N, C-alpha and C. Protein backbone atom coordinates (compact mmCIF):
# COMPACT_ATOMS: atom_id res chain seq x y z
N MET A 1 174.79 -23.53 -2.73
CA MET A 1 173.76 -22.66 -1.88
C MET A 1 172.51 -23.60 -1.83
N ILE A 2 171.85 -23.74 -0.51
CA ILE A 2 170.75 -24.54 -0.42
C ILE A 2 169.55 -23.64 -0.34
N VAL A 3 168.61 -24.06 -1.18
CA VAL A 3 167.35 -23.26 -1.45
C VAL A 3 166.08 -23.90 -0.73
N LEU A 4 165.60 -23.17 -0.02
CA LEU A 4 164.39 -23.89 0.70
C LEU A 4 163.31 -23.66 -0.08
N ASP A 5 162.38 -24.59 -0.34
CA ASP A 5 161.22 -24.21 -1.43
C ASP A 5 159.98 -23.81 -0.61
N SER A 6 160.02 -23.64 0.78
CA SER A 6 158.80 -23.20 1.57
C SER A 6 159.26 -22.71 2.85
N PHE A 7 158.46 -21.80 3.32
CA PHE A 7 158.83 -21.27 4.84
C PHE A 7 158.53 -22.40 5.76
N CYS A 8 157.77 -23.38 5.42
CA CYS A 8 157.27 -24.35 6.46
C CYS A 8 158.44 -25.28 6.66
N LYS A 9 159.22 -25.51 5.57
CA LYS A 9 160.54 -26.30 5.67
C LYS A 9 161.54 -25.52 6.63
N LEU A 10 161.66 -24.20 6.47
CA LEU A 10 162.53 -23.40 7.38
C LEU A 10 162.09 -23.63 8.75
N THR A 11 160.84 -23.33 8.96
CA THR A 11 160.30 -23.40 10.40
C THR A 11 160.57 -24.75 11.04
N ASP A 12 160.31 -25.72 10.17
CA ASP A 12 160.59 -27.07 10.77
C ASP A 12 162.11 -27.33 11.09
N CYS A 13 163.03 -26.80 10.37
CA CYS A 13 164.37 -26.84 10.69
C CYS A 13 164.68 -26.24 12.05
N VAL A 14 164.08 -25.06 12.12
CA VAL A 14 164.47 -24.12 13.31
C VAL A 14 163.88 -24.73 14.40
N SER A 15 162.60 -25.36 14.58
CA SER A 15 162.12 -25.83 15.60
C SER A 15 162.64 -27.21 16.24
N HIS A 16 163.48 -27.63 15.61
CA HIS A 16 164.36 -28.75 16.04
C HIS A 16 165.88 -28.42 16.25
N SER A 17 166.04 -27.46 16.24
CA SER A 17 167.63 -26.86 16.45
C SER A 17 167.64 -26.02 17.64
N LYS A 18 169.12 -25.93 17.88
CA LYS A 18 169.28 -24.86 19.11
C LYS A 18 169.24 -23.47 18.60
N PRO A 19 169.13 -22.47 19.32
CA PRO A 19 169.04 -22.36 20.73
C PRO A 19 167.96 -23.05 21.60
N LYS A 20 168.44 -23.58 22.79
CA LYS A 20 167.51 -24.27 23.59
C LYS A 20 167.87 -23.89 25.11
N GLY A 21 166.99 -24.35 25.85
CA GLY A 21 167.31 -24.27 27.39
C GLY A 21 166.90 -25.55 28.09
N TYR A 22 167.41 -25.68 29.27
CA TYR A 22 166.97 -26.68 30.17
C TYR A 22 166.63 -25.96 31.44
N VAL A 23 165.61 -26.41 32.10
CA VAL A 23 164.98 -25.69 33.44
C VAL A 23 164.78 -26.81 34.42
N GLN A 24 165.25 -26.49 35.50
CA GLN A 24 165.07 -27.16 36.84
C GLN A 24 164.35 -26.20 37.84
N ILE A 25 163.32 -26.97 38.60
CA ILE A 25 162.64 -26.03 39.74
C ILE A 25 162.71 -26.86 40.84
N PHE A 26 163.31 -26.06 41.95
CA PHE A 26 163.53 -26.71 43.18
C PHE A 26 162.65 -25.91 44.23
N GLU A 27 162.20 -26.72 45.13
CA GLU A 27 161.59 -26.30 46.51
C GLU A 27 162.77 -26.02 47.49
N ARG A 28 162.87 -25.01 48.15
CA ARG A 28 163.82 -24.69 49.13
C ARG A 28 162.97 -24.58 50.51
N ASN A 29 163.23 -25.38 51.31
CA ASN A 29 162.56 -25.25 52.63
C ASN A 29 163.08 -24.17 53.28
N LYS A 30 162.27 -23.23 53.89
CA LYS A 30 162.76 -22.07 54.52
C LYS A 30 163.29 -22.55 55.88
N ARG A 31 163.06 -23.66 56.64
CA ARG A 31 163.50 -23.95 57.85
C ARG A 31 164.96 -24.68 57.77
N ASN A 32 165.20 -25.54 56.92
CA ASN A 32 166.43 -26.04 56.84
C ASN A 32 167.11 -25.84 55.62
N ASN A 33 166.81 -24.99 54.64
CA ASN A 33 167.23 -24.58 53.40
C ASN A 33 167.64 -25.75 52.43
N CYS A 34 166.95 -26.91 52.55
CA CYS A 34 167.13 -28.07 51.81
C CYS A 34 166.49 -27.89 50.49
N LEU A 35 167.06 -28.51 49.41
CA LEU A 35 166.45 -28.36 48.06
C LEU A 35 165.85 -29.63 47.64
N LYS A 36 164.66 -29.50 46.95
CA LYS A 36 163.97 -30.56 46.48
C LYS A 36 163.53 -30.56 45.13
N LEU A 37 163.94 -31.34 44.13
CA LEU A 37 163.62 -31.19 42.84
C LEU A 37 162.14 -31.32 42.67
N LEU A 38 161.40 -30.22 41.96
CA LEU A 38 159.91 -30.45 41.72
C LEU A 38 159.73 -30.76 40.30
N ASP A 39 160.59 -30.24 39.45
CA ASP A 39 160.30 -30.25 37.89
C ASP A 39 161.51 -29.98 37.29
N ASN A 40 161.51 -30.64 36.08
CA ASN A 40 162.74 -30.34 35.02
C ASN A 40 162.26 -30.65 33.52
N GLY A 41 162.96 -29.97 32.61
CA GLY A 41 162.62 -30.38 31.35
C GLY A 41 163.17 -29.27 30.40
N ASN A 42 163.13 -29.65 29.21
CA ASN A 42 163.53 -28.83 27.98
C ASN A 42 162.69 -27.64 27.85
N ASN A 43 163.20 -26.49 27.37
CA ASN A 43 162.27 -25.38 26.85
C ASN A 43 162.76 -24.94 25.63
N HIS A 44 162.04 -24.10 24.95
CA HIS A 44 162.38 -23.56 23.62
C HIS A 44 162.81 -21.97 23.95
N ILE A 45 163.70 -21.51 23.01
CA ILE A 45 163.85 -20.13 22.95
C ILE A 45 162.82 -19.83 21.80
N VAL A 46 161.89 -18.92 22.00
CA VAL A 46 160.81 -18.57 21.14
C VAL A 46 161.42 -17.64 19.92
N TYR A 47 160.46 -17.59 18.86
CA TYR A 47 160.92 -16.78 17.79
C TYR A 47 161.15 -15.25 18.27
N THR A 48 160.51 -14.64 19.14
CA THR A 48 160.91 -13.28 19.46
C THR A 48 162.32 -13.15 20.09
N GLY A 49 162.71 -14.36 20.75
CA GLY A 49 164.15 -14.29 21.34
C GLY A 49 165.06 -14.76 20.33
N ARG A 50 164.72 -15.68 19.25
CA ARG A 50 165.61 -15.95 18.11
C ARG A 50 165.87 -14.72 17.23
N GLU A 51 164.79 -13.82 17.22
CA GLU A 51 164.95 -12.86 16.35
C GLU A 51 165.85 -11.63 16.82
N TRP A 52 165.85 -11.67 18.21
CA TRP A 52 166.89 -10.85 18.91
C TRP A 52 168.25 -11.06 19.01
N LEU A 53 168.41 -12.44 18.98
CA LEU A 53 169.89 -13.13 19.18
C LEU A 53 170.82 -12.45 18.08
N PRO A 54 170.53 -12.59 16.67
CA PRO A 54 171.47 -12.11 15.79
C PRO A 54 171.82 -10.71 15.82
N GLN A 55 170.75 -9.91 16.28
CA GLN A 55 170.83 -8.43 16.35
C GLN A 55 171.82 -8.09 17.52
N ARG A 56 171.80 -8.73 18.56
CA ARG A 56 172.73 -8.74 19.72
C ARG A 56 174.08 -9.23 19.32
N VAL A 57 174.28 -10.45 18.73
CA VAL A 57 175.63 -10.99 18.39
C VAL A 57 176.42 -9.97 17.45
N PHE A 58 175.58 -9.44 16.42
CA PHE A 58 176.30 -8.78 15.45
C PHE A 58 176.27 -7.20 15.64
N ASN A 59 175.62 -6.75 16.75
CA ASN A 59 175.53 -5.39 17.21
C ASN A 59 174.83 -4.67 15.96
N ILE A 60 173.78 -5.31 15.40
CA ILE A 60 173.00 -4.47 14.35
C ILE A 60 171.44 -4.43 14.66
N SER A 61 170.93 -3.48 14.89
CA SER A 61 169.40 -3.38 15.04
C SER A 61 168.73 -3.41 13.82
N ARG A 62 167.65 -4.34 13.52
CA ARG A 62 166.83 -4.33 12.45
C ARG A 62 166.08 -3.02 12.36
N GLU A 63 165.67 -2.39 13.43
CA GLU A 63 165.05 -1.11 13.55
C GLU A 63 166.19 -0.06 14.27
N PRO A 64 167.09 0.65 13.55
CA PRO A 64 167.96 1.39 14.41
C PRO A 64 167.44 2.26 15.40
N SER A 65 166.15 2.66 15.35
CA SER A 65 165.72 3.57 16.46
C SER A 65 165.55 2.80 17.69
N SER A 66 165.29 1.56 17.59
CA SER A 66 164.92 0.75 18.88
C SER A 66 166.18 0.34 19.73
N LEU A 67 167.44 0.22 19.01
CA LEU A 67 168.50 -0.03 19.84
C LEU A 67 168.49 -1.52 20.51
N VAL A 68 167.53 -2.28 19.94
CA VAL A 68 167.47 -3.57 20.42
C VAL A 68 168.68 -4.40 20.66
N ASN A 69 169.67 -4.06 19.73
CA ASN A 69 170.98 -4.85 19.71
C ASN A 69 171.72 -4.52 20.98
N GLU A 70 171.26 -3.58 21.88
CA GLU A 70 171.97 -3.24 23.09
C GLU A 70 171.21 -3.81 24.28
N TRP A 71 170.07 -4.44 24.12
CA TRP A 71 169.34 -5.03 25.09
C TRP A 71 169.85 -6.42 25.59
N CYS A 72 169.54 -6.93 26.88
CA CYS A 72 170.01 -8.12 27.30
C CYS A 72 168.92 -8.90 27.95
N VAL A 73 169.11 -10.28 28.16
CA VAL A 73 168.06 -10.99 28.83
C VAL A 73 168.43 -10.75 30.45
N CYS A 74 167.32 -10.38 31.15
CA CYS A 74 167.62 -9.89 32.38
C CYS A 74 166.35 -10.02 33.29
N TRP A 75 165.31 -10.42 32.82
CA TRP A 75 164.19 -10.66 33.85
C TRP A 75 163.45 -11.83 33.65
N PHE A 76 162.43 -12.13 34.67
CA PHE A 76 161.92 -13.52 34.85
C PHE A 76 160.42 -13.29 35.26
N GLY A 77 159.72 -13.88 34.53
CA GLY A 77 158.25 -13.77 34.81
C GLY A 77 157.37 -15.10 35.04
N LEU A 78 156.47 -15.13 35.97
CA LEU A 78 155.54 -16.26 36.13
C LEU A 78 154.18 -16.16 35.78
N GLY A 79 153.37 -17.22 35.50
CA GLY A 79 152.15 -17.10 35.12
C GLY A 79 151.30 -18.35 35.49
N THR A 80 149.98 -18.27 35.21
CA THR A 80 149.09 -19.27 35.53
C THR A 80 148.43 -19.93 34.26
N GLY A 81 149.00 -19.73 33.06
CA GLY A 81 148.44 -20.33 31.73
C GLY A 81 149.17 -21.46 31.12
N GLY A 82 149.87 -22.29 32.00
CA GLY A 82 150.76 -23.30 31.53
C GLY A 82 150.00 -24.61 31.51
N ALA A 83 148.81 -24.69 32.15
CA ALA A 83 148.03 -25.85 32.28
C ALA A 83 146.53 -25.56 32.44
N THR A 84 145.66 -26.56 32.32
CA THR A 84 144.29 -26.18 32.43
C THR A 84 144.00 -26.53 33.92
N ILE A 85 142.72 -26.02 34.34
CA ILE A 85 142.31 -26.17 35.54
C ILE A 85 141.82 -27.66 35.87
N ASP A 86 141.34 -28.26 34.83
CA ASP A 86 140.92 -29.73 34.76
C ASP A 86 142.06 -30.70 34.85
N ASP A 87 143.16 -30.23 34.34
CA ASP A 87 144.32 -31.07 34.31
C ASP A 87 145.44 -30.37 34.67
N PRO A 88 145.64 -29.91 35.96
CA PRO A 88 146.58 -29.00 36.40
C PRO A 88 148.20 -29.42 36.27
N PHE A 89 148.35 -30.95 36.34
CA PHE A 89 149.63 -31.54 36.43
C PHE A 89 150.15 -32.06 34.95
N ASN A 90 149.44 -31.49 33.88
CA ASN A 90 149.78 -31.97 32.58
C ASN A 90 149.96 -30.74 31.71
N PRO A 91 151.27 -30.17 31.82
CA PRO A 91 151.61 -28.83 31.34
C PRO A 91 151.17 -28.62 29.71
N LEU A 92 150.78 -27.69 29.37
CA LEU A 92 150.48 -27.55 27.87
C LEU A 92 151.84 -27.21 27.13
N GLU A 93 151.62 -27.50 25.91
CA GLU A 93 152.88 -27.38 24.99
C GLU A 93 153.37 -25.77 24.81
N VAL A 94 154.71 -25.58 24.78
CA VAL A 94 154.92 -24.33 24.49
C VAL A 94 155.23 -24.32 23.03
N HIS A 95 154.87 -23.09 22.23
CA HIS A 95 155.00 -22.92 20.90
C HIS A 95 156.05 -21.99 20.66
N LEU A 96 156.83 -22.09 19.55
CA LEU A 96 157.85 -21.18 19.13
C LEU A 96 157.27 -19.81 18.83
N THR A 97 155.96 -19.91 18.59
CA THR A 97 155.29 -18.45 18.13
C THR A 97 154.83 -17.85 19.36
N ASP A 98 154.93 -18.41 20.37
CA ASP A 98 154.56 -17.64 21.85
C ASP A 98 155.26 -16.38 21.89
N ASN A 99 154.72 -15.28 22.15
CA ASN A 99 155.28 -14.08 22.39
C ASN A 99 155.15 -13.34 23.82
N GLU A 100 154.31 -14.29 24.55
CA GLU A 100 154.18 -13.61 25.98
C GLU A 100 153.61 -14.91 26.86
N LEU A 101 153.74 -14.82 28.09
CA LEU A 101 153.06 -15.92 28.85
C LEU A 101 151.55 -15.67 28.75
N ILE A 102 150.85 -16.89 28.79
CA ILE A 102 149.41 -16.88 28.54
C ILE A 102 148.65 -16.02 29.65
N ASN A 103 149.18 -16.07 30.84
CA ASN A 103 148.46 -15.29 31.89
C ASN A 103 149.51 -15.01 33.01
N PRO A 104 150.42 -13.88 32.64
CA PRO A 104 151.27 -13.53 33.64
C PRO A 104 150.71 -12.98 34.81
N ILE A 105 151.27 -13.29 35.95
CA ILE A 105 150.86 -12.76 37.34
C ILE A 105 151.81 -11.85 37.89
N VAL A 106 151.23 -11.02 38.90
CA VAL A 106 152.07 -10.01 39.79
C VAL A 106 152.65 -11.08 40.92
N ILE A 107 153.98 -11.08 40.83
CA ILE A 107 154.69 -11.94 41.78
C ILE A 107 154.82 -11.41 43.11
N ASP A 108 155.34 -10.21 43.21
CA ASP A 108 155.46 -9.61 44.47
C ASP A 108 155.32 -7.99 44.30
N PRO A 109 154.26 -7.40 44.38
CA PRO A 109 154.13 -6.02 44.15
C PRO A 109 154.88 -5.06 45.13
N ASP A 110 155.44 -5.59 46.27
CA ASP A 110 156.01 -4.87 47.26
C ASP A 110 157.56 -4.83 47.20
N ASN A 111 158.03 -5.75 46.32
CA ASN A 111 159.37 -5.92 46.04
C ASN A 111 160.12 -4.80 45.27
N THR A 112 160.84 -3.87 45.88
CA THR A 112 161.28 -2.68 45.07
C THR A 112 162.21 -3.14 44.10
N SER A 113 162.74 -4.37 44.08
CA SER A 113 163.84 -4.83 43.16
C SER A 113 163.08 -5.36 41.71
N TYR A 114 161.91 -5.66 41.73
CA TYR A 114 161.15 -6.08 40.59
C TYR A 114 160.63 -5.06 39.76
N ALA A 115 160.20 -5.35 38.51
CA ALA A 115 159.95 -4.28 37.54
C ALA A 115 158.50 -4.72 37.10
N ASP A 116 158.00 -3.80 36.28
CA ASP A 116 156.72 -3.95 35.71
C ASP A 116 155.38 -4.26 36.72
N GLY A 117 155.44 -3.53 37.71
CA GLY A 117 154.49 -3.68 38.64
C GLY A 117 154.56 -4.93 39.52
N GLY A 118 155.70 -5.43 39.70
CA GLY A 118 155.91 -6.76 40.40
C GLY A 118 155.70 -7.97 39.69
N ARG A 119 155.67 -7.78 38.27
CA ARG A 119 155.49 -9.02 37.50
C ARG A 119 156.91 -9.43 36.90
N LYS A 120 157.81 -8.79 36.99
CA LYS A 120 159.19 -9.27 36.49
C LYS A 120 160.15 -9.28 37.64
N ALA A 121 160.71 -10.36 37.76
CA ALA A 121 161.74 -10.71 38.93
C ALA A 121 163.18 -10.52 38.33
N PRO A 122 164.24 -9.90 39.03
CA PRO A 122 165.49 -9.93 38.51
C PRO A 122 166.18 -11.35 38.95
N PHE A 123 167.14 -11.53 38.31
CA PHE A 123 167.95 -12.73 38.38
C PHE A 123 168.95 -12.70 39.77
N ASP A 124 168.87 -13.79 40.28
CA ASP A 124 169.82 -13.94 41.54
C ASP A 124 171.23 -13.82 41.08
N ASP A 125 171.40 -14.80 40.10
CA ASP A 125 172.93 -15.08 39.56
C ASP A 125 173.00 -15.46 38.20
N VAL A 126 173.99 -15.17 37.40
CA VAL A 126 173.98 -15.67 36.13
C VAL A 126 175.52 -16.11 35.86
N GLN A 127 175.83 -17.31 35.49
CA GLN A 127 177.21 -17.76 35.43
C GLN A 127 177.36 -18.41 34.11
N ILE A 128 178.54 -18.37 33.44
CA ILE A 128 178.90 -18.94 32.44
C ILE A 128 179.75 -20.21 32.88
N VAL A 129 179.14 -21.42 32.50
CA VAL A 129 179.73 -22.73 33.11
C VAL A 129 180.04 -23.67 31.92
N GLN A 130 180.73 -24.64 32.13
CA GLN A 130 181.04 -25.79 31.18
C GLN A 130 179.84 -26.60 31.19
N ASP A 131 179.65 -27.16 29.90
CA ASP A 131 178.50 -27.93 29.80
C ASP A 131 178.76 -29.53 30.10
N PRO A 132 178.23 -30.08 31.00
CA PRO A 132 178.76 -31.49 31.58
C PRO A 132 178.28 -32.43 30.55
N ASP A 133 177.22 -32.24 29.75
CA ASP A 133 176.62 -33.21 28.84
C ASP A 133 177.59 -33.32 27.50
N GLU A 134 178.39 -32.29 27.28
CA GLU A 134 179.21 -32.29 26.38
C GLU A 134 180.65 -32.46 26.75
N ASP A 135 180.84 -33.15 27.86
CA ASP A 135 182.44 -33.40 28.42
C ASP A 135 182.94 -32.07 28.70
N ASN A 136 182.18 -31.24 29.14
CA ASN A 136 182.76 -29.78 29.47
C ASN A 136 183.58 -29.00 28.47
N ARG A 137 183.26 -29.38 27.24
CA ARG A 137 183.91 -28.80 26.05
C ARG A 137 183.39 -27.49 25.59
N TYR A 138 182.09 -27.27 26.11
CA TYR A 138 181.49 -26.07 25.47
C TYR A 138 181.02 -25.27 26.80
N LEU A 139 180.57 -24.13 26.58
CA LEU A 139 180.01 -23.21 27.70
C LEU A 139 178.68 -23.02 27.52
N LEU A 140 177.88 -22.74 28.54
CA LEU A 140 176.46 -22.32 28.58
C LEU A 140 176.26 -21.35 29.70
N ALA A 141 175.03 -20.68 29.61
CA ALA A 141 174.52 -19.73 30.62
C ALA A 141 173.87 -20.41 31.62
N GLN A 142 174.01 -20.20 32.81
CA GLN A 142 173.12 -20.73 33.92
C GLN A 142 172.71 -19.67 34.72
N ILE A 143 171.36 -19.66 34.92
CA ILE A 143 170.66 -18.53 35.57
C ILE A 143 169.82 -18.92 36.62
N ASP A 144 170.06 -18.35 37.84
CA ASP A 144 169.15 -18.78 39.13
C ASP A 144 168.30 -17.67 39.39
N ILE A 145 167.05 -17.99 39.75
CA ILE A 145 166.14 -17.16 40.05
C ILE A 145 165.26 -17.64 41.36
N THR A 146 165.22 -16.90 42.34
CA THR A 146 164.52 -17.43 43.62
C THR A 146 163.25 -16.48 43.81
N ILE A 147 162.13 -17.39 43.98
CA ILE A 147 160.91 -16.67 44.26
C ILE A 147 160.59 -16.89 45.54
N THR A 148 160.38 -15.96 46.37
CA THR A 148 160.14 -16.08 47.75
C THR A 148 158.51 -15.54 48.06
N ALA A 149 157.85 -15.16 47.21
CA ALA A 149 156.52 -14.58 47.24
C ALA A 149 155.65 -15.77 47.81
N SER A 150 154.61 -15.28 48.42
CA SER A 150 153.61 -16.29 49.25
C SER A 150 152.18 -15.95 48.85
N THR A 151 152.06 -15.70 47.56
CA THR A 151 150.72 -15.00 47.09
C THR A 151 149.58 -16.04 47.07
N GLY A 152 149.82 -17.48 47.04
CA GLY A 152 148.86 -18.58 46.96
C GLY A 152 148.41 -18.81 45.51
N ASP A 153 149.26 -17.94 44.53
CA ASP A 153 148.95 -18.24 43.15
C ASP A 153 149.43 -19.69 42.81
N LEU A 154 148.58 -20.33 41.91
CA LEU A 154 148.87 -21.60 41.39
C LEU A 154 149.58 -21.52 40.05
N VAL A 155 150.88 -21.36 40.01
CA VAL A 155 151.66 -21.12 38.82
C VAL A 155 152.08 -22.38 38.14
N ASN A 156 152.25 -22.21 36.72
CA ASN A 156 152.57 -23.29 35.94
C ASN A 156 153.24 -22.85 34.54
N GLU A 157 153.65 -21.79 34.46
CA GLU A 157 154.56 -21.16 33.25
C GLU A 157 155.32 -20.13 33.70
N CYS A 158 156.62 -20.25 33.08
CA CYS A 158 157.66 -18.98 33.35
C CYS A 158 158.24 -18.65 32.20
N GLY A 159 158.86 -17.54 32.19
CA GLY A 159 159.54 -16.94 30.87
C GLY A 159 160.79 -16.15 31.31
N LEU A 160 161.78 -16.01 30.45
CA LEU A 160 162.82 -15.25 30.47
C LEU A 160 162.57 -14.00 29.56
N TYR A 161 162.96 -12.86 29.96
CA TYR A 161 162.59 -11.71 29.19
C TYR A 161 163.77 -10.80 28.72
N ILE A 162 163.96 -10.19 27.55
CA ILE A 162 164.88 -9.39 27.13
C ILE A 162 164.23 -7.85 27.44
N SER A 163 165.18 -7.05 27.82
CA SER A 163 164.78 -5.53 28.06
C SER A 163 165.86 -4.74 27.82
N ASP A 164 165.46 -3.44 27.85
CA ASP A 164 166.61 -2.28 27.47
C ASP A 164 167.09 -1.99 28.93
N SER A 165 166.58 -2.40 30.09
CA SER A 165 167.13 -1.96 31.21
C SER A 165 167.16 -3.08 32.35
N THR A 166 168.13 -3.04 33.13
CA THR A 166 168.08 -4.10 34.30
C THR A 166 167.70 -3.52 35.64
N THR A 167 167.07 -2.18 35.54
CA THR A 167 166.75 -1.48 36.84
C THR A 167 165.22 -1.66 36.88
N PRO A 168 164.71 -1.56 38.10
CA PRO A 168 163.34 -1.81 38.29
C PRO A 168 162.22 -0.78 37.67
N SER A 169 162.96 0.36 36.99
CA SER A 169 162.04 1.27 36.26
C SER A 169 161.99 0.63 34.72
N ALA A 170 162.43 -0.47 34.30
CA ALA A 170 162.34 -1.16 33.10
C ALA A 170 160.90 -1.20 32.72
N SER A 171 160.56 -0.88 31.49
CA SER A 171 159.20 -0.92 30.91
C SER A 171 158.84 -1.60 29.53
N THR A 172 159.97 -1.87 29.02
CA THR A 172 159.83 -2.60 27.74
C THR A 172 160.49 -4.02 27.72
N PHE A 173 159.59 -4.95 27.55
CA PHE A 173 160.10 -6.41 27.68
C PHE A 173 159.76 -7.20 26.28
N ILE A 174 160.64 -8.09 25.97
CA ILE A 174 160.41 -8.98 24.97
C ILE A 174 160.53 -10.55 25.51
N LEU A 175 159.69 -11.28 25.22
CA LEU A 175 159.88 -12.80 25.55
C LEU A 175 160.94 -13.52 24.87
N PHE A 176 161.81 -13.95 25.68
CA PHE A 176 163.09 -14.75 25.05
C PHE A 176 162.75 -16.29 25.08
N ALA A 177 162.31 -16.74 26.29
CA ALA A 177 162.16 -18.10 26.37
C ALA A 177 160.84 -18.50 27.32
N ARG A 178 160.20 -19.44 27.00
CA ARG A 178 159.06 -20.01 27.90
C ARG A 178 159.11 -21.37 28.21
N TYR A 179 158.58 -21.72 29.53
CA TYR A 179 158.55 -23.04 29.87
C TYR A 179 157.23 -23.32 30.65
N THR A 180 156.81 -24.45 30.49
CA THR A 180 155.51 -24.86 31.38
C THR A 180 155.68 -26.10 32.19
N PHE A 181 155.14 -26.24 33.31
CA PHE A 181 155.27 -27.14 34.25
C PHE A 181 154.01 -27.51 35.00
N SER A 182 154.15 -28.44 35.82
CA SER A 182 153.05 -28.95 36.74
C SER A 182 152.77 -27.92 37.52
N THR A 183 151.43 -27.68 37.95
CA THR A 183 150.92 -26.50 38.61
C THR A 183 151.60 -26.75 40.13
N MET A 184 152.10 -25.67 40.62
CA MET A 184 152.46 -25.56 42.05
C MET A 184 152.03 -24.20 42.73
N GLU A 185 151.91 -24.24 44.01
CA GLU A 185 151.47 -23.12 44.66
C GLU A 185 152.54 -22.33 45.17
N LEU A 186 152.49 -20.92 45.31
CA LEU A 186 153.50 -20.23 45.99
C LEU A 186 153.04 -19.86 47.39
N THR A 187 153.61 -20.67 48.27
CA THR A 187 153.29 -20.63 49.72
C THR A 187 154.46 -19.99 50.55
N ASP A 188 154.01 -19.65 51.89
CA ASP A 188 154.91 -18.97 52.79
C ASP A 188 155.91 -20.09 53.52
N ASP A 189 155.67 -21.22 53.21
CA ASP A 189 156.77 -22.15 53.92
C ASP A 189 157.91 -22.55 53.01
N ARG A 190 157.93 -22.09 51.76
CA ARG A 190 159.09 -22.51 50.94
C ARG A 190 159.30 -21.41 49.72
N ASP A 191 160.48 -21.57 49.49
CA ASP A 191 160.82 -20.61 48.30
C ASP A 191 161.12 -21.58 46.98
N ILE A 192 160.87 -21.08 46.02
CA ILE A 192 160.90 -21.62 44.77
C ILE A 192 162.20 -21.19 43.97
N LEU A 193 163.10 -22.14 43.59
CA LEU A 193 164.43 -21.78 42.91
C LEU A 193 164.27 -22.32 41.40
N PHE A 194 164.34 -21.48 40.38
CA PHE A 194 164.25 -21.76 39.14
C PHE A 194 165.80 -21.75 38.48
N ARG A 195 166.23 -22.81 38.05
CA ARG A 195 167.61 -22.90 37.58
C ARG A 195 167.38 -23.09 35.82
N TRP A 196 168.03 -22.11 35.16
CA TRP A 196 167.66 -22.09 33.86
C TRP A 196 169.04 -22.15 32.97
N ARG A 197 169.18 -23.05 32.16
CA ARG A 197 170.48 -23.21 31.47
C ARG A 197 169.99 -23.03 30.09
N VAL A 198 170.83 -22.22 29.41
CA VAL A 198 170.67 -21.90 27.94
C VAL A 198 171.95 -22.11 27.28
N TRP A 199 171.84 -22.82 26.10
CA TRP A 199 172.98 -23.01 25.23
C TRP A 199 172.64 -22.75 23.66
N PHE A 200 173.69 -22.53 22.89
CA PHE A 200 173.50 -22.05 21.53
C PHE A 200 174.13 -23.00 20.58
């Protein structure tokens, strides 16, 4: 049996291990539907997401009254707290202790498929695909989310959320993963496609 002599050693081990994710952000031109890669990089599954995972996998809730073991990752959020105003193209570091976006925004208040007053967008598609970086020997989850809103917001952070409901009436959310990126504007001449891959 391995005994860790401090909590710091444990967190250091966890911070360099899976689960992790990889995010690609594309611009989709509304006139010709062409995709252009805007940003890509690794993200972390934060501690609140890691805490939920074993409860889901083993179907045991740490707090039986919450039934969190029956929840799923099903919502996406955007925010403006991923970079500073003075340095908008240098994303701030994501910390495993993050439990929410720094400054979540209302993405589309008029979209009836959104939850949380327009702050949470549903996924377009979720697929279980082979991992090309591991010679297709393992599986990962690939999530696509398209943002069509043209609010003019300068966004630079996004997150995946766990919830007890996949319907727009959902009201309880837990941050699963967070990613920061170079600041970009939500404009009416393009859609933004977020492609998020998660592996364990």
